[in-house]
Amino acid sequence: GPQDLLVQDGDRIAQLVIIPIYQGQVHKGTAPILQTVRGDKGCVSTNLNPGAKVWVRTEKGPPEPADIIAT
């Protein structure tokens, strides 16, 4: 609302962030030439297309190169 919220020591504050998770197929590939891929439209404009080179990290393993096969 229009009034300030005063947060006191011991107050509990929660935040929920819902984000999409990519669930397509991932195949191992060769290491990408570029370390990062950035679009020209600012935030979240990576323009990841099928065939784009990415790094994929499993829960227990090191990052590995991969290709995007569908978006």
Protein backbone atom coordinates (compact mmCIF):
# COMPACT_ATOMS: atom_id res chain seq x y z
CA GLY A 1 0.00 0.00 0.00
CA PRO A 2 0.93 3.66 0.18
CA GLN A 3 2.33 3.40 3.74
CA ASP A 4 5.87 2.36 4.60
CA LEU A 5 6.34 -1.06 6.16
CA LEU A 6 8.55 -1.08 9.22
CA VAL A 7 10.49 -4.32 9.63
CA GLN A 8 11.54 -5.08 13.17
CA ASP A 9 14.30 -7.41 14.36
CA GLY A 10 12.82 -10.92 14.46
CA ASP A 11 10.08 -10.23 11.88
CA ARG A 12 9.65 -12.99 9.33
CA ILE A 13 9.66 -12.09 5.64
CA ALA A 14 9.13 -14.58 2.81
CA GLN A 15 9.54 -14.36 -0.94
CA LEU A 16 8.46 -16.87 -3.58
CA VAL A 17 10.03 -16.77 -7.02
CA ILE A 18 8.45 -18.92 -9.75
CA ILE A 19 10.63 -19.39 -12.82
CA PRO A 20 10.35 -21.64 -15.87
CA ILE A 21 12.75 -24.58 -16.07
CA TYR A 22 13.99 -25.90 -19.42
CA GLN A 23 12.87 -29.52 -19.75
CA GLY A 24 13.94 -30.31 -23.32
CA GLN A 25 16.46 -32.92 -24.39
CA VAL A 26 20.15 -32.20 -23.83
CA HIS A 27 22.87 -33.95 -25.80
CA LYS A 28 26.60 -33.79 -25.17
CA GLY A 29 28.49 -31.80 -27.77
CA THR A 30 31.77 -30.02 -28.26
CA ALA A 31 32.84 -27.04 -26.20
CA PRO A 32 31.38 -23.75 -27.46
CA ILE A 33 33.73 -21.19 -28.98
CA LEU A 34 32.14 -18.37 -26.95
CA GLN A 35 31.91 -18.54 -23.17
CA THR A 36 28.70 -16.46 -23.10
CA VAL A 37 25.85 -15.73 -25.48
CA ARG A 38 24.11 -12.35 -25.20
CA GLY A 39 21.39 -10.81 -27.28
CA ASP A 40 21.10 -7.15 -28.26
CA LYS A 41 17.78 -6.48 -26.49
CA GLY A 42 18.98 -6.26 -22.88
CA CYS A 43 17.92 -8.54 -20.06
CA VAL A 44 16.74 -12.06 -21.01
CA SER A 45 17.44 -11.61 -24.73
CA THR A 46 19.87 -14.49 -25.15
CA ASN A 47 18.12 -15.65 -28.34
CA LEU A 48 18.91 -19.31 -27.64
CA ASN A 49 18.02 -21.23 -30.77
CA PRO A 50 18.30 -24.89 -31.72
CA GLY A 51 21.97 -25.62 -32.32
CA ALA A 52 23.18 -22.99 -29.85
CA LYS A 53 26.17 -24.06 -27.76
CA VAL A 54 25.57 -24.12 -24.00
CA TRP A 55 27.15 -25.55 -20.86
CA VAL A 56 25.10 -28.03 -18.82
CA ARG A 57 25.90 -29.00 -15.26
CA THR A 58 24.35 -32.03 -13.57
CA GLU A 59 23.82 -32.12 -9.81
CA LYS A 60 27.04 -33.97 -9.08
CA GLY A 61 29.19 -33.40 -12.14
CA PRO A 62 31.27 -30.67 -13.74
CA PRO A 63 29.84 -28.42 -16.50
CA GLU A 64 29.83 -30.12 -19.91
CA PRO A 65 29.28 -28.67 -23.39
CA ALA A 66 25.91 -29.33 -25.07
CA ASP A 67 23.70 -28.17 -27.95
CA ILE A 68 20.13 -26.89 -27.71
CA ILE A 69 17.99 -29.04 -30.00
CA ALA A 70 14.57 -27.40 -29.35
CA THR A 71 13.21 -24.23 -27.73
